[in-house]
Amino acid sequence: MIEKDFKIDFKNKKISFKGKDKVYTAHDLYSFLMDTFDEPGNMKYDVPIEATGKDKFVLVNGWTIDEKARKHLKGGNLESAA
């Protein structure tokens, strides 16, 4: 389950991967993040991701994702905001 494999560090605005061998699509990550940030207790935090196309996403509001996490994503494009 994606919520067990990806860790969200709300304080430092960092997304990391704590799982083992599972690979997810960029859209899976987007859906997971949007669902997480829709929770009442998390609405005070800046949303970390925006969709810019069907399979294109960009990290926003100062959020980052580590390289290990990126290696567990496929099937889409995830960019960091400039």
N, C-alpha and C. Protein backbone atom coordinates (compact mmCIF):
# COMPACT_ATOMS: atom_id res chain seq x y z
N MET A 1 0.84 -1.18 0.00
CA MET A 1 0.00 0.00 0.00
C MET A 1 0.89 1.25 0.00
N ILE A 2 0.55 2.17 -0.82
CA ILE A 2 1.38 3.35 -1.04
C ILE A 2 1.60 4.16 0.24
N GLU A 3 0.59 4.22 1.10
CA GLU A 3 0.73 5.00 2.33
C GLU A 3 1.75 4.41 3.29
N LYS A 4 2.08 3.13 3.13
CA LYS A 4 3.11 2.51 3.96
C LYS A 4 4.49 2.68 3.34
N ASP A 5 4.56 2.88 2.03
CA ASP A 5 5.84 2.95 1.34
C ASP A 5 6.40 4.37 1.23
N PHE A 6 5.53 5.36 1.13
CA PHE A 6 5.99 6.74 1.03
C PHE A 6 5.79 7.46 2.35
N LYS A 7 6.78 8.22 2.76
CA LYS A 7 6.71 8.98 4.00
C LYS A 7 6.63 10.47 3.65
N ILE A 8 5.74 11.16 4.33
CA ILE A 8 5.59 12.61 4.13
C ILE A 8 6.11 13.31 5.38
N ASP A 9 7.14 14.11 5.21
CA ASP A 9 7.69 14.92 6.29
C ASP A 9 7.08 16.31 6.14
N PHE A 10 5.99 16.55 6.86
CA PHE A 10 5.26 17.81 6.74
C PHE A 10 6.11 19.01 7.16
N LYS A 11 6.91 18.85 8.19
CA LYS A 11 7.72 19.96 8.70
C LYS A 11 8.77 20.41 7.70
N ASN A 12 9.47 19.46 7.10
CA ASN A 12 10.56 19.77 6.17
C ASN A 12 10.14 19.74 4.70
N LYS A 13 8.86 19.48 4.45
CA LYS A 13 8.31 19.44 3.09
C LYS A 13 9.09 18.48 2.19
N LYS A 14 9.25 17.25 2.68
CA LYS A 14 10.01 16.25 1.93
C LYS A 14 9.24 14.94 1.85
N ILE A 15 9.26 14.35 0.66
CA ILE A 15 8.63 13.05 0.43
C ILE A 15 9.75 12.04 0.21
N SER A 16 9.68 10.93 0.93
CA SER A 16 10.71 9.90 0.79
C SER A 16 10.06 8.53 0.69
N PHE A 17 10.86 7.54 0.34
CA PHE A 17 10.38 6.18 0.16
C PHE A 17 10.96 5.30 1.25
N LYS A 18 10.08 4.62 1.96
CA LYS A 18 10.52 3.74 3.05
C LYS A 18 10.19 2.28 2.79
N GLY A 19 9.63 2.00 1.62
CA GLY A 19 9.24 0.63 1.28
C GLY A 19 10.41 -0.18 0.76
N LYS A 20 10.09 -1.26 0.07
CA LYS A 20 11.14 -2.13 -0.45
C LYS A 20 11.18 -2.12 -1.96
N ASP A 21 10.48 -3.03 -2.60
CA ASP A 21 10.62 -3.20 -4.05
C ASP A 21 9.45 -2.69 -4.87
N LYS A 22 8.40 -2.24 -4.26
CA LYS A 22 7.18 -1.84 -4.97
C LYS A 22 7.45 -0.61 -5.83
N VAL A 23 6.83 -0.59 -7.01
CA VAL A 23 6.92 0.55 -7.92
C VAL A 23 5.50 1.07 -8.15
N TYR A 24 5.35 2.37 -8.12
CA TYR A 24 4.06 3.02 -8.30
C TYR A 24 4.13 3.97 -9.50
N THR A 25 2.97 4.32 -10.02
CA THR A 25 2.95 5.32 -11.08
C THR A 25 2.98 6.71 -10.45
N ALA A 26 3.37 7.68 -11.24
CA ALA A 26 3.35 9.06 -10.77
C ALA A 26 1.92 9.46 -10.41
N HIS A 27 0.94 8.94 -11.13
CA HIS A 27 -0.46 9.23 -10.82
C HIS A 27 -0.87 8.63 -9.47
N ASP A 28 -0.36 7.44 -9.14
CA ASP A 28 -0.62 6.85 -7.82
C ASP A 28 -0.12 7.79 -6.72
N LEU A 29 1.08 8.33 -6.90
CA LEU A 29 1.64 9.24 -5.90
C LEU A 29 0.79 10.50 -5.81
N TYR A 30 0.40 11.04 -6.93
CA TYR A 30 -0.44 12.23 -6.96
C TYR A 30 -1.75 11.98 -6.19
N SER A 31 -2.42 10.88 -6.47
CA SER A 31 -3.68 10.56 -5.80
C SER A 31 -3.47 10.39 -4.29
N PHE A 32 -2.43 9.69 -3.92
CA PHE A 32 -2.11 9.50 -2.50
C PHE A 32 -1.88 10.83 -1.80
N LEU A 33 -1.09 11.70 -2.42
CA LEU A 33 -0.81 13.00 -1.81
C LEU A 33 -2.06 13.86 -1.71
N MET A 34 -2.86 13.89 -2.75
CA MET A 34 -4.07 14.70 -2.72
C MET A 34 -5.04 14.18 -1.66
N ASP A 35 -5.18 12.87 -1.55
CA ASP A 35 -6.05 12.30 -0.51
C ASP A 35 -5.52 12.62 0.88
N THR A 36 -4.22 12.55 1.05
CA THR A 36 -3.61 12.84 2.35
C THR A 36 -3.82 14.30 2.75
N PHE A 37 -3.62 15.20 1.81
CA PHE A 37 -3.72 16.63 2.12
C PHE A 37 -5.17 17.12 2.18
N ASP A 38 -6.12 16.28 1.79
CA ASP A 38 -7.54 16.60 1.94
C ASP A 38 -8.06 16.28 3.34
N GLU A 39 -7.29 15.54 4.10
CA GLU A 39 -7.70 15.20 5.47
C GLU A 39 -7.74 16.47 6.32
N PRO A 40 -8.76 16.62 7.17
CA PRO A 40 -8.91 17.84 7.97
C PRO A 40 -7.65 18.25 8.75
N GLY A 41 -6.94 17.30 9.31
CA GLY A 41 -5.73 17.61 10.08
C GLY A 41 -4.55 18.05 9.23
N ASN A 42 -4.62 17.81 7.93
CA ASN A 42 -3.51 18.14 7.03
C ASN A 42 -3.79 19.36 6.16
N MET A 43 -4.98 19.92 6.26
CA MET A 43 -5.34 21.04 5.38
C MET A 43 -4.56 22.31 5.70
N LYS A 44 -3.90 22.34 6.84
CA LYS A 44 -3.11 23.52 7.20
C LYS A 44 -1.77 23.55 6.47
N TYR A 45 -1.39 22.45 5.85
CA TYR A 45 -0.12 22.36 5.13
C TYR A 45 -0.30 22.71 3.66
N ASP A 46 0.76 23.23 3.05
CA ASP A 46 0.76 23.52 1.62
C ASP A 46 0.69 22.22 0.83
N VAL A 47 -0.18 22.19 -0.17
CA VAL A 47 -0.29 21.02 -1.06
C VAL A 47 1.03 20.88 -1.81
N PRO A 48 1.56 19.65 -1.90
CA PRO A 48 2.89 19.46 -2.48
C PRO A 48 2.94 19.24 -3.99
N ILE A 49 1.81 18.99 -4.63
CA ILE A 49 1.85 18.54 -6.02
C ILE A 49 0.68 19.11 -6.81
N GLU A 50 0.93 19.35 -8.08
CA GLU A 50 -0.13 19.78 -9.01
C GLU A 50 -0.04 18.95 -10.28
N ALA A 51 -1.18 18.70 -10.87
CA ALA A 51 -1.22 18.01 -12.17
C ALA A 51 -1.13 19.07 -13.25
N THR A 52 -0.24 18.84 -14.21
CA THR A 52 -0.11 19.76 -15.34
C THR A 52 -0.52 19.10 -16.65
N GLY A 53 -0.92 17.85 -16.56
CA GLY A 53 -1.36 17.07 -17.71
C GLY A 53 -1.83 15.73 -17.21
N LYS A 54 -2.23 14.86 -18.14
CA LYS A 54 -2.75 13.55 -17.76
C LYS A 54 -1.77 12.76 -16.90
N ASP A 55 -0.53 12.73 -17.31
CA ASP A 55 0.50 11.99 -16.57
C ASP A 55 1.69 12.88 -16.24
N LYS A 56 1.44 14.19 -16.10
CA LYS A 56 2.51 15.14 -15.78
C LYS A 56 2.17 15.85 -14.47
N PHE A 57 3.15 15.86 -13.59
CA PHE A 57 2.94 16.44 -12.27
C PHE A 57 4.15 17.28 -11.89
N VAL A 58 3.92 18.26 -11.04
CA VAL A 58 5.01 19.11 -10.59
C VAL A 58 4.88 19.31 -9.08
N LEU A 59 6.04 19.20 -8.40
CA LEU A 59 6.07 19.49 -6.97
C LEU A 59 6.07 21.00 -6.81
N VAL A 60 5.26 21.50 -5.89
CA VAL A 60 5.10 22.94 -5.68
C VAL A 60 5.24 23.28 -4.20
N ASN A 61 5.23 24.57 -3.91
CA ASN A 61 5.25 25.08 -2.54
C ASN A 61 6.47 24.65 -1.74
N GLY A 62 7.60 24.44 -2.43
CA GLY A 62 8.85 24.11 -1.74
C GLY A 62 9.02 22.65 -1.38
N TRP A 63 8.13 21.80 -1.85
CA TRP A 63 8.23 20.38 -1.55
C TRP A 63 9.30 19.71 -2.42
N THR A 64 9.95 18.69 -1.85
CA THR A 64 10.96 17.92 -2.57
C THR A 64 10.67 16.43 -2.41
N ILE A 65 11.28 15.65 -3.28
CA ILE A 65 11.19 14.19 -3.20
C ILE A 65 12.60 13.65 -3.39
N ASP A 66 12.98 12.68 -2.58
CA ASP A 66 14.35 12.19 -2.69
C ASP A 66 14.51 11.23 -3.87
N GLU A 67 15.76 11.00 -4.23
CA GLU A 67 16.06 10.17 -5.41
C GLU A 67 15.59 8.74 -5.24
N LYS A 68 15.69 8.19 -4.04
CA LYS A 68 15.21 6.82 -3.81
C LYS A 68 13.72 6.74 -4.14
N ALA A 69 12.96 7.73 -3.72
CA ALA A 69 11.52 7.75 -3.99
C ALA A 69 11.27 7.84 -5.50
N ARG A 70 12.03 8.67 -6.18
CA ARG A 70 11.87 8.82 -7.63
C ARG A 70 12.09 7.49 -8.36
N LYS A 71 13.00 6.68 -7.85
CA LYS A 71 13.30 5.40 -8.48
C LYS A 71 12.15 4.41 -8.35
N HIS A 72 11.22 4.69 -7.46
CA HIS A 72 10.07 3.82 -7.27
C HIS A 72 8.82 4.37 -7.94
N LEU A 73 9.03 5.28 -8.89
CA LEU A 73 7.93 5.85 -9.67
C LEU A 73 8.15 5.55 -11.14
N LYS A 74 7.06 5.29 -11.86
CA LYS A 74 7.13 5.06 -13.31
C LYS A 74 5.85 5.61 -13.91
N GLY A 75 5.74 5.53 -15.19
CA GLY A 75 4.48 5.84 -15.86
C GLY A 75 3.99 7.27 -15.71
N GLY A 76 4.88 8.19 -15.83
CA GLY A 76 4.50 9.60 -15.75
C GLY A 76 5.72 10.45 -15.56
N ASN A 77 5.48 11.74 -15.46
CA ASN A 77 6.57 12.70 -15.32
C ASN A 77 6.34 13.52 -14.05
N LEU A 78 7.32 13.52 -13.16
CA LEU A 78 7.24 14.31 -11.94
C LEU A 78 8.42 15.27 -11.93
N GLU A 79 8.10 16.57 -11.99
CA GLU A 79 9.13 17.60 -12.00
C GLU A 79 9.09 18.39 -10.70
N SER A 80 10.19 19.03 -10.41
CA SER A 80 10.24 19.96 -9.29
C SER A 80 10.01 21.36 -9.83
N ALA A 81 9.33 22.19 -9.07
CA ALA A 81 9.08 23.57 -9.50
C ALA A 81 10.40 24.33 -9.58
N ALA A 82 10.46 25.25 -10.51
CA ALA A 82 11.69 26.04 -10.69
C ALA A 82 11.84 27.05 -9.58
